[in-house]
Amino acid sequence: MRFLRQSLTGLFLFSLALGVLFYAGYTLQQAVEARMAREARVPQSREREFAVRVMRAEAGRVAPVLTSYGEVKSSRTLDIRAAVGGRVIELSDDFVEGGHVQEGALLVRIDPADAQDARDRAASDLEDARAEARDAARGLDLARDELAAAEEQVVLRERALQRQIDLRQRGVGTDAAVETAELAASAARAAVLTRRQAIAQAEARVDNAETRKARARIALGEAERRLADMEIHAGFTGTLSGVNLVEGGLVSANTLLAELVDETALEVAFRVSTRDYVRLLGDEGRLRRAPVRAILDVFGIDVTAQGQLVRDSAAVGEGQTGRLLFARLDGAREFKPGDFVTVEIVEPPLDGVIVLPSGALGSAGDVLALDDEGRLERVEVELLRRQGDEIVIRAEGLAGREVVTHRTPLLGPGIKVRPLRSGPAEALSEPEMLELSEERRARLVAFVEDNGRMPEAVKSRILAELAQPKVPAETVTRIEARMGG
């Protein structure tokens, strides 16, 4: 019985499974026939849209800024050299590296003993020459008096001769007396000639005495100048640099002792391309007095100074290109000669131009603008300036339209895009701040305090930032870069 029951149960299950299979096959056949009888439908493709950042192009008046790099120099520098040689017996307390001196202050004194002796000898020679000149003048006066006396003798002898001639004509005189008178008159005239020759010699003596006195005066002036050269004074108010002298040292003529720099007359020398130089010329072909701003990067803090273009170089220079320009700086107390600074020159304003990010310009000199259907359209533009991450362009019909700010190889004319517009007052991202450990903070503070080239105002600001709980990451990065950490 048990075997029969199990056999019937298995047969029932087999029959049920076979029926299910037949039903499944029938259902599949009906589905295939229904699918084959249905009309074919082609799926509609959807156009792809790219998300792009756009901004509205606004035309207006823009003053382009030309950026260059240059070195700060002093337009008033004086080499302090020894005019004469000798031993240094006195040095000013301010005659040190970085010493500030006033105009006319005594800097160096060289032993003046030999120069003083030479000056005294020249003064003595001048006194001798003056005495000789006075003696020659007295001799000339005496010679003139002797000439006058000789001329009086000639007059008297001529009168005596005339009397003897009259007596002979009357018959009371003799020929011997007349002859004696003639000889006396002739001797008197010869004496006049002798006195005239004496006057000429006296005049020559006076001239020689004057020449000797002039030479003695010149020698005295040279000796006094040599004596004055034993003291070196400051030509103007400034700061000393390159001092290489100690008291008691020996110096020779024309030895460079130091350099005096006027820190109130600073200028920056920088080089620009020839194309940029042409844009800085005025209507008369001369360099315009354009405003200039010099920027010195000091540990994350920009120290700036205003200035003005003053001149350009006369020649390009061997192995150089472009033009070398000079700008005078006003009130640049934090700057020192030798600083490497960034120079920004304000060019003449341009009207009707558009400022866009540099990524908006294509290699063919065009930009992509949105049309009314949300598709991109190629617009040719004229590139006027590049300044940093921005470009200054001019294009007809572009003002007021939305322009793609960053182009990619996937974008082109006719492509439909989904614009991403920035708000009218997009907030600037806050600078990244760091929390420093005590050890790291102490290391940064010690480096800033030991830095002698940093201006005091800048040093105070940086130390104030380092004292805060959170310090700007940019400041920390720049300080550690200079520390080598």
Protein backbone atom coordinates (compact mmCIF):
# COMPACT_ATOMS: atom_id res chain seq x y z
CA MET A 1 0.00 0.00 0.00
CA ARG A 2 2.77 2.34 0.89
CA PHE A 3 4.53 1.75 -2.42
CA LEU A 4 1.33 2.38 -4.37
CA ARG A 5 0.69 5.65 -2.53
CA GLN A 6 4.16 6.99 -3.23
CA SER A 7 3.95 5.97 -6.89
CA LEU A 8 0.64 7.79 -7.40
CA THR A 9 2.00 10.89 -5.70
CA GLY A 10 5.05 10.94 -8.00
CA LEU A 11 2.90 10.44 -11.06
CA PHE A 12 0.69 13.34 -10.00
CA LEU A 13 3.66 15.66 -9.52
CA PHE A 14 5.15 14.67 -12.90
CA SER A 15 1.84 15.37 -14.64
CA LEU A 16 1.54 18.74 -12.96
CA ALA A 17 5.08 19.77 -13.97
CA LEU A 18 4.47 18.68 -17.54
CA GLY A 19 1.29 20.79 -17.70
CA VAL A 20 3.10 23.84 -16.41
CA LEU A 21 5.78 23.44 -19.08
CA PHE A 22 3.17 23.18 -21.85
CA TYR A 23 1.45 26.34 -20.52
CA ALA A 24 4.72 28.24 -20.42
CA GLY A 25 5.50 27.26 -24.00
CA TYR A 26 2.09 28.39 -25.13
CA THR A 27 2.46 31.74 -23.37
CA LEU A 28 5.89 32.29 -24.95
CA GLN A 29 4.53 31.52 -28.40
CA GLN A 30 1.66 33.98 -27.97
CA ALA A 31 4.08 36.71 -26.84
CA VAL A 32 6.42 36.17 -29.79
CA GLU A 33 3.55 36.30 -32.26
CA ALA A 34 2.20 39.49 -30.66
CA ARG A 35 5.65 41.14 -30.78
CA MET A 36 6.14 40.19 -34.43
CA ALA A 37 2.74 41.51 -35.36
CA ARG A 38 3.41 44.92 -33.65
CA GLU A 39 4.76 47.85 -35.77
CA ALA A 40 8.42 48.76 -35.16
CA ARG A 41 9.02 52.06 -33.22
CA VAL A 42 12.32 53.94 -33.49
CA PRO A 43 13.38 55.51 -30.15
CA GLN A 44 13.88 59.27 -30.24
CA SER A 45 17.44 60.43 -29.32
CA ARG A 46 17.88 63.28 -26.82
CA GLU A 47 20.32 66.14 -27.56
CA ARG A 48 23.18 66.39 -25.09
CA GLU A 49 23.64 69.65 -23.16
CA PHE A 50 26.90 70.88 -21.61
CA ALA A 51 26.98 72.92 -18.46
CA VAL A 52 29.18 76.00 -18.90
CA ARG A 53 29.96 79.05 -16.80
CA VAL A 54 29.01 82.30 -18.44
CA MET A 55 29.21 85.99 -17.63
CA ARG A 56 27.66 89.04 -19.18
CA ALA A 57 30.01 91.13 -21.32
CA GLU A 58 29.84 94.76 -20.26
CA ALA A 59 31.54 97.43 -22.38
CA GLY A 60 33.04 100.44 -20.65
CA ARG A 61 36.12 102.54 -19.94
CA VAL A 62 39.13 100.57 -18.69
CA ALA A 63 42.64 101.75 -17.78
CA PRO A 64 44.92 98.77 -18.57
CA VAL A 65 47.72 97.96 -16.15
CA LEU A 66 51.11 96.89 -17.54
CA THR A 67 53.03 94.57 -15.21
CA SER A 68 56.81 94.23 -15.16
CA TYR A 69 59.61 93.46 -12.70
CA GLY A 70 62.54 95.62 -11.73
CA GLU A 71 65.16 96.54 -9.17
CA VAL A 72 65.08 99.46 -6.76
CA LYS A 73 68.04 101.82 -7.03
CA SER A 74 69.06 105.17 -5.59
CA SER A 75 69.29 108.01 -8.08
CA ARG A 76 71.71 109.82 -5.74
CA THR A 77 74.77 107.77 -4.81
CA LEU A 78 78.22 109.03 -3.84
CA ASP A 79 81.48 107.05 -3.72
CA ILE A 80 83.50 108.06 -0.67
CA ARG A 81 87.15 107.83 -1.75
CA ALA A 82 90.41 109.00 -0.24
CA ALA A 83 91.83 111.86 -2.33
CA VAL A 84 95.27 111.44 -0.73
CA GLY A 85 97.05 108.60 1.01
CA GLY A 86 97.97 108.35 4.67
CA ARG A 87 97.07 106.86 8.03
CA VAL A 88 93.53 107.16 9.37
CA ILE A 89 93.62 108.84 12.77
CA GLU A 90 89.90 109.51 13.32
CA LEU A 91 86.62 107.88 12.25
CA SER A 92 83.10 109.10 12.89
CA ASP A 93 80.92 106.97 15.15
CA ASP A 94 78.39 106.80 12.29
CA PHE A 95 80.99 105.56 9.81
CA VAL A 96 79.66 101.99 9.90
CA GLU A 97 77.56 99.80 7.64
CA GLY A 98 74.08 101.30 7.60
CA GLY A 99 75.16 104.42 9.51
CA HIS A 100 73.01 107.50 8.92
CA VAL A 101 75.02 110.71 8.45
CA GLN A 102 74.06 114.34 7.96
CA GLU A 103 75.27 116.59 5.17
CA GLY A 104 78.69 118.09 5.97
CA ALA A 105 79.42 115.71 8.86
CA LEU A 106 83.08 114.66 9.35
CA LEU A 107 83.47 111.01 8.41
CA VAL A 108 87.22 110.30 8.15
CA ARG A 109 90.34 112.21 9.15
CA ILE A 110 93.76 111.26 7.74
CA ASP A 111 97.01 112.26 9.50
CA PRO A 112 97.59 115.87 8.28
CA ALA A 113 101.18 116.39 9.55
CA ASP A 114 102.95 116.21 6.18
CA ALA A 115 100.23 118.21 4.46
CA GLN A 116 100.40 120.89 7.17
CA ASP A 117 104.17 121.20 6.74
CA ALA A 118 103.76 121.51 2.98
CA ARG A 119 101.13 124.20 3.49
CA ASP A 120 103.40 126.15 5.86
CA ARG A 121 106.29 125.99 3.36
CA ALA A 122 104.02 127.26 0.60
CA ALA A 123 102.85 130.12 2.84
CA SER A 124 106.48 131.04 3.57
CA ASP A 125 107.33 131.01 -0.14
CA LEU A 126 104.40 133.31 -0.76
CA GLU A 127 105.66 135.78 1.84
CA ASP A 128 109.10 135.75 0.19
CA ALA A 129 107.52 136.43 -3.17
CA ARG A 130 105.52 139.32 -1.76
CA ALA A 131 108.67 140.81 -0.20
CA GLU A 132 110.49 140.48 -3.51
CA ALA A 133 107.59 142.20 -5.26
CA ARG A 134 107.71 145.09 -2.79
CA ASP A 135 111.49 145.41 -3.22
CA ALA A 136 111.15 145.39 -7.01
CA ALA A 137 108.47 148.09 -6.81
CA ARG A 138 110.76 150.28 -4.67
CA GLY A 139 113.66 149.74 -7.08
CA LEU A 140 111.43 150.82 -9.99
CA ASP A 141 110.48 154.01 -8.17
CA LEU A 142 114.16 154.82 -7.51
CA ALA A 143 115.07 154.15 -11.13
CA ARG A 144 112.37 156.54 -12.27
CA ASP A 145 113.67 159.22 -9.89
CA GLU A 146 117.22 158.74 -11.22
CA LEU A 147 115.90 159.09 -14.76
CA ALA A 148 114.22 162.35 -13.85
CA ALA A 149 117.47 163.64 -12.33
CA ALA A 150 119.44 162.62 -15.44
CA GLU A 151 116.96 164.41 -17.67
CA GLU A 152 117.38 167.58 -15.56
CA GLN A 153 121.16 167.25 -16.04
CA VAL A 154 120.65 167.08 -19.81
CA VAL A 155 118.61 170.29 -19.71
CA LEU A 156 121.32 172.06 -17.70
CA ARG A 157 124.12 170.81 -19.97
CA GLU A 158 122.20 171.95 -23.03
CA ARG A 159 121.83 175.43 -21.55
CA ALA A 160 125.56 175.58 -20.72
CA LEU A 161 126.45 174.57 -24.26
CA GLN A 162 124.16 177.24 -25.68
CA ARG A 163 125.87 179.92 -23.50
CA GLN A 164 129.32 178.87 -24.68
CA ILE A 165 128.20 179.07 -28.28
CA ASP A 166 126.78 182.60 -27.71
CA LEU A 167 130.01 183.72 -26.03
CA ARG A 168 132.07 182.43 -28.92
CA GLN A 169 129.91 184.29 -31.38
CA ARG A 170 130.51 187.52 -29.42
CA GLY A 171 134.26 186.85 -29.53
CA VAL A 172 134.70 186.36 -25.81
CA GLY A 173 134.51 182.57 -25.78
CA THR A 174 136.85 179.93 -27.01
CA ASP A 175 136.38 176.82 -29.07
CA ALA A 176 137.78 174.67 -26.24
CA ALA A 177 135.05 175.84 -23.88
CA VAL A 178 132.38 175.06 -26.48
CA GLU A 179 133.85 171.62 -27.04
CA THR A 180 133.93 170.93 -23.31
CA ALA A 181 130.24 171.94 -23.01
CA GLU A 182 129.32 169.67 -25.93
CA LEU A 183 131.09 166.74 -24.27
CA ALA A 184 129.27 167.39 -21.00
CA ALA A 185 125.86 167.51 -22.79
CA SER A 186 126.63 164.27 -24.59
CA ALA A 187 127.59 162.58 -21.32
CA ALA A 188 124.31 163.76 -19.76
CA ARG A 189 122.30 162.32 -22.63
CA ALA A 190 124.19 158.99 -22.24
CA ALA A 191 123.30 158.98 -18.54
CA VAL A 192 119.61 159.34 -19.50
CA LEU A 193 119.89 156.28 -21.69
CA THR A 194 121.53 154.38 -18.84
CA ARG A 195 118.72 155.36 -16.47
CA ARG A 196 116.09 154.26 -18.99
CA GLN A 197 117.79 150.88 -19.24
CA ALA A 198 117.76 150.66 -15.45
CA ILE A 199 114.00 151.37 -15.46
CA ALA A 200 113.44 148.57 -18.00
CA GLN A 201 115.38 146.17 -15.78
CA ALA A 202 113.40 147.31 -12.74
CA GLU A 203 110.10 146.76 -14.59
CA ALA A 204 111.23 143.27 -15.62
CA ARG A 205 112.12 142.59 -12.00
CA VAL A 206 108.62 143.71 -10.93
CA ASP A 207 107.03 141.40 -13.52
CA ASN A 208 109.15 138.46 -12.36
CA ALA A 209 108.23 139.20 -8.77
CA GLU A 210 104.50 139.21 -9.65
CA THR A 211 104.87 135.92 -11.51
CA ARG A 212 106.73 134.40 -8.58
CA LYS A 213 104.04 135.65 -6.21
CA ALA A 214 101.29 134.13 -8.41
CA ARG A 215 103.10 130.78 -8.48
CA ALA A 216 103.55 130.89 -4.72
CA ARG A 217 99.85 131.66 -4.31
CA ILE A 218 98.96 128.67 -6.54
CA ALA A 219 101.29 126.42 -4.57
CA LEU A 220 99.68 127.60 -1.33
CA GLY A 221 96.21 126.87 -2.72
CA GLU A 222 97.29 123.36 -3.70
CA ALA A 223 98.77 122.77 -0.26
CA GLU A 224 95.59 124.02 1.43
CA ARG A 225 93.41 121.77 -0.76
CA ARG A 226 95.66 118.82 0.02
CA LEU A 227 95.34 119.66 3.71
CA ALA A 228 91.54 119.93 3.35
CA ASP A 229 91.47 116.53 1.59
CA MET A 230 92.75 115.00 4.81
CA GLU A 231 89.19 115.37 6.11
CA ILE A 232 86.33 113.60 4.32
CA HIS A 233 82.85 115.05 4.87
CA ALA A 234 79.41 113.75 3.84
CA GLY A 235 78.22 115.33 0.61
CA PHE A 236 74.54 114.95 1.53
CA THR A 237 72.32 113.32 4.12
CA GLY A 238 72.15 109.57 3.58
CA THR A 239 73.11 106.06 4.68
CA LEU A 240 76.54 104.45 4.39
CA SER A 241 77.03 101.15 2.61
CA GLY A 242 80.05 98.97 1.86
CA VAL A 243 82.21 100.37 4.69
CA ASN A 244 85.65 98.70 4.70
CA LEU A 245 87.84 100.94 6.83
CA VAL A 246 89.08 100.87 10.44
CA GLU A 247 90.85 103.50 12.51
CA GLY A 248 94.65 103.32 12.21
CA GLY A 249 94.59 101.74 8.76
CA LEU A 250 96.65 102.97 5.82
CA VAL A 251 94.84 104.16 2.72
CA SER A 252 96.15 105.14 -0.67
CA ALA A 253 94.86 107.76 -3.07
CA ASN A 254 91.50 106.96 -4.72
CA THR A 255 90.77 104.07 -2.34
CA LEU A 256 87.02 103.35 -2.09
CA LEU A 257 86.13 103.67 1.60
CA ALA A 258 82.33 103.43 1.47
CA GLU A 259 79.27 104.40 -0.52
CA LEU A 260 76.79 107.06 0.54
CA VAL A 261 73.21 106.35 -0.55
CA ASP A 262 70.32 108.80 -0.42
CA GLU A 263 67.35 106.61 0.57
CA THR A 264 64.90 109.44 -0.07
CA ALA A 265 65.72 109.52 -3.81
CA LEU A 266 64.78 105.99 -4.81
CA GLU A 267 63.82 104.85 -8.29
CA VAL A 268 63.02 101.51 -9.88
CA ALA A 269 64.57 100.29 -13.14
CA PHE A 270 62.54 97.79 -15.14
CA ARG A 271 62.38 96.49 -18.70
CA VAL A 272 59.33 96.30 -20.97
CA SER A 273 58.83 95.02 -24.50
CA THR A 274 59.08 97.39 -27.44
CA ARG A 275 55.35 97.04 -28.11
CA ASP A 276 54.49 98.04 -24.54
CA TYR A 277 57.00 100.88 -24.73
CA VAL A 278 55.30 102.34 -27.79
CA ARG A 279 51.98 102.41 -25.92
CA LEU A 280 53.61 104.48 -23.16
CA LEU A 281 54.71 107.23 -25.55
CA GLY A 282 52.80 110.50 -25.79
CA ASP A 283 51.67 112.42 -28.85
CA GLU A 284 55.09 114.04 -29.27
CA GLY A 285 56.91 110.71 -29.14
CA ARG A 286 58.22 111.26 -25.61
CA LEU A 287 57.65 109.05 -22.58
CA ARG A 288 54.50 109.99 -20.66
CA ARG A 289 54.61 110.71 -16.94
CA ALA A 290 52.41 107.70 -16.25
CA PRO A 291 51.68 106.71 -12.63
CA VAL A 292 53.55 103.66 -11.36
CA ARG A 293 53.04 101.37 -8.37
CA ALA A 294 55.92 99.28 -6.98
CA ILE A 295 54.99 96.19 -4.94
CA LEU A 296 57.42 94.40 -2.62
CA ASP A 297 56.37 90.95 -1.39
CA VAL A 298 57.39 90.63 2.26
CA PHE A 299 56.28 87.35 3.84
CA GLY A 300 52.75 87.47 2.47
CA ILE A 301 52.28 91.21 2.97
CA ASP A 302 52.60 93.52 -0.02
CA VAL A 303 54.50 96.74 0.65
CA THR A 304 53.61 99.30 -2.01
CA ALA A 305 54.91 102.68 -3.10
CA GLN A 306 53.57 105.12 -5.67
CA GLY A 307 55.75 106.68 -8.32
CA GLN A 308 55.95 108.15 -11.80
CA LEU A 309 57.79 107.37 -15.01
CA VAL A 310 60.66 109.81 -15.49
CA ARG A 311 62.92 108.58 -18.30
CA ASP A 312 64.04 105.70 -20.50
CA SER A 313 67.44 104.38 -21.52
CA ALA A 314 69.25 105.91 -24.48
CA ALA A 315 70.27 102.50 -25.91
CA VAL A 316 68.94 98.97 -25.78
CA GLY A 317 72.12 97.45 -24.41
CA GLU A 318 74.25 94.61 -25.67
CA GLY A 319 72.41 91.29 -25.55
CA GLN A 320 69.19 92.94 -24.29
CA THR A 321 65.74 93.44 -25.79
CA GLY A 322 62.92 95.86 -25.20
CA ARG A 323 63.37 99.16 -23.39
CA LEU A 324 64.75 99.99 -19.96
CA LEU A 325 62.54 102.46 -18.08
CA PHE A 326 63.04 104.35 -14.82
CA ALA A 327 60.36 105.46 -12.39
CA ARG A 328 60.82 107.75 -9.40
CA LEU A 329 59.29 106.45 -6.14
CA ASP A 330 57.63 108.75 -3.60
CA GLY A 331 57.56 107.98 0.10
CA ALA A 332 59.17 104.53 -0.27
CA ARG A 333 60.49 104.25 3.27
CA GLU A 334 60.18 100.46 3.42
CA PHE A 335 62.19 99.99 0.21
CA LYS A 336 65.96 99.58 0.00
CA PRO A 337 68.30 99.73 -3.01
CA GLY A 338 68.59 96.23 -4.44
CA ASP A 339 64.98 95.14 -3.70
CA PHE A 340 63.33 93.15 -6.50
CA VAL A 341 59.80 94.49 -6.93
CA THR A 342 56.76 94.11 -9.15
CA VAL A 343 55.98 97.24 -11.15
CA GLU A 344 52.49 98.16 -12.35
CA ILE A 345 52.14 100.99 -14.89
CA VAL A 346 48.72 102.51 -15.57
CA GLU A 347 48.24 102.98 -19.31
CA PRO A 348 45.90 105.50 -20.98
CA PRO A 349 42.20 104.52 -20.60
CA LEU A 350 40.46 102.61 -23.39
CA ASP A 351 36.79 103.30 -24.22
CA GLY A 352 34.26 100.71 -25.33
CA VAL A 353 36.27 97.66 -24.25
CA ILE A 354 35.27 94.47 -22.45
CA VAL A 355 37.15 92.69 -19.67
CA LEU A 356 36.85 88.86 -19.63
CA PRO A 357 38.73 85.96 -18.05
CA SER A 358 41.67 84.81 -20.14
CA GLY A 359 40.09 81.35 -20.51
CA ALA A 360 37.31 82.83 -22.63
CA LEU A 361 39.62 83.56 -25.59
CA GLY A 362 40.18 80.83 -28.16
CA SER A 363 43.31 80.15 -30.17
CA ALA A 364 41.68 81.69 -33.26
CA GLY A 365 41.04 85.00 -31.51
CA ASP A 366 37.35 84.45 -30.81
CA VAL A 367 34.94 83.86 -27.94
CA LEU A 368 31.77 81.77 -27.61
CA ALA A 369 28.57 83.67 -26.85
CA LEU A 370 25.03 82.37 -26.19
CA ASP A 371 22.26 83.05 -28.71
CA ASP A 372 18.52 83.25 -28.05
CA GLU A 373 18.11 79.44 -28.32
CA GLY A 374 20.78 78.68 -25.73
CA ARG A 375 23.35 77.60 -28.33
CA LEU A 376 26.93 78.75 -28.71
CA GLU A 377 27.92 81.22 -31.36
CA ARG A 378 31.47 82.15 -32.41
CA VAL A 379 32.28 85.86 -32.18
CA GLU A 380 35.58 87.29 -33.42
CA VAL A 381 37.23 89.79 -31.09
CA GLU A 382 40.26 92.08 -31.08
CA LEU A 383 42.67 91.36 -28.25
CA LEU A 384 43.99 94.63 -26.82
CA ARG A 385 45.70 93.66 -23.57
CA ARG A 386 46.54 90.74 -21.34
CA GLN A 387 46.79 91.58 -17.65
CA GLY A 388 47.09 88.72 -15.23
CA ASP A 389 44.19 86.26 -15.60
CA GLU A 390 42.10 88.74 -17.57
CA ILE A 391 41.99 90.00 -21.14
CA VAL A 392 40.83 93.31 -22.55
CA ILE A 393 39.04 92.93 -25.88
CA ARG A 394 36.94 94.92 -28.31
CA ALA A 395 34.19 93.33 -30.43
CA GLU A 396 31.11 94.61 -32.24
CA GLY A 397 27.77 93.33 -30.98
CA LEU A 398 29.24 91.48 -28.00
CA ALA A 399 28.27 93.96 -25.29
CA GLY A 400 25.31 92.74 -23.24
CA ARG A 401 25.61 89.09 -24.34
CA GLU A 402 26.61 86.15 -22.18
CA VAL A 403 30.07 84.73 -22.91
CA VAL A 404 31.60 81.40 -21.91
CA THR A 405 34.33 82.13 -19.36
CA HIS A 406 36.28 78.83 -19.65
CA ARG A 407 36.45 77.01 -22.97
CA THR A 408 37.08 73.27 -23.40
CA PRO A 409 37.69 71.16 -26.53
CA LEU A 410 34.07 69.87 -26.28
CA LEU A 411 32.59 73.32 -26.85
CA GLY A 412 32.04 74.82 -30.26
CA PRO A 413 29.58 76.80 -32.39
CA GLY A 414 26.02 75.39 -32.46
CA ILE A 415 26.32 73.28 -29.30
CA LYS A 416 23.44 73.62 -26.86
CA VAL A 417 24.57 74.44 -23.37
CA ARG A 418 23.15 74.93 -19.91
CA PRO A 419 24.55 78.22 -18.58
CA LEU A 420 25.76 78.50 -15.00
CA ARG A 421 25.47 82.16 -14.02
CA SER A 422 27.27 83.73 -11.10
CA GLY A 423 25.38 85.97 -8.76
CA PRO A 424 25.75 89.73 -9.06
CA ALA A 425 27.58 89.95 -5.76
CA GLU A 426 29.50 86.72 -5.54
CA ALA A 427 31.37 86.65 -2.25
CA LEU A 428 35.09 86.23 -2.26
CA SER A 429 36.44 83.06 -0.74
CA GLU A 430 37.86 83.50 2.70
CA PRO A 431 41.60 82.93 3.05
CA GLU A 432 42.63 79.62 4.50
CA MET A 433 43.57 79.82 8.18
CA LEU A 434 45.85 77.48 10.12
CA GLU A 435 46.10 76.60 13.78
CA LEU A 436 49.78 76.43 14.65
CA SER A 437 51.44 74.39 17.32
CA GLU A 438 53.45 76.27 19.92
CA GLU A 439 56.74 74.93 18.57
CA ARG A 440 55.93 75.89 15.00
CA ARG A 441 54.68 79.33 16.04
CA ALA A 442 57.82 80.00 18.10
CA ARG A 443 60.04 78.99 15.17
CA LEU A 444 58.24 81.40 12.82
CA VAL A 445 58.33 84.27 15.33
CA ALA A 446 62.07 83.79 15.94
CA PHE A 447 62.80 83.86 12.20
CA VAL A 448 60.82 87.08 11.68
CA GLU A 449 62.44 88.82 14.67
CA ASP A 450 65.96 87.90 13.50
CA ASN A 451 65.36 89.17 9.96
CA GLY A 452 67.29 92.44 9.67
CA ARG A 453 66.18 93.35 6.14
CA MET A 454 62.49 93.40 6.98
CA PRO A 455 61.03 96.89 7.65
CA GLU A 456 59.85 97.45 11.20
CA ALA A 457 56.28 98.25 10.15
CA VAL A 458 56.01 94.99 8.18
CA LYS A 459 57.67 93.02 10.97
CA SER A 460 55.12 94.34 13.48
CA ARG A 461 52.20 93.34 11.25
CA ILE A 462 53.53 89.83 10.71
CA LEU A 463 54.20 89.31 14.42
CA ALA A 464 50.67 90.50 15.15
CA GLU A 465 49.29 87.90 12.72
CA LEU A 466 51.43 85.14 14.23
CA ALA A 467 50.11 86.04 17.68
CA GLN A 468 46.50 85.25 16.63
CA PRO A 469 44.99 81.80 17.31
CA LYS A 470 44.62 81.23 13.54
CA VAL A 471 47.20 82.46 11.04
CA PRO A 472 46.68 82.89 7.26
CA ALA A 473 48.09 79.87 5.46
CA GLU A 474 49.65 82.07 2.77
CA THR A 475 51.72 83.94 5.37
CA VAL A 476 52.94 80.70 6.96
CA THR A 477 53.84 79.22 3.57
CA ARG A 478 55.89 82.21 2.50
CA ILE A 479 57.80 82.44 5.76
CA GLU A 480 58.61 78.72 5.75
CA ALA A 481 59.70 78.94 2.11
CA ARG A 482 62.29 81.54 3.07
CA MET A 483 63.32 79.46 6.07
CA GLY A 484 63.89 76.47 3.84
CA GLY A 485 61.28 74.43 5.77
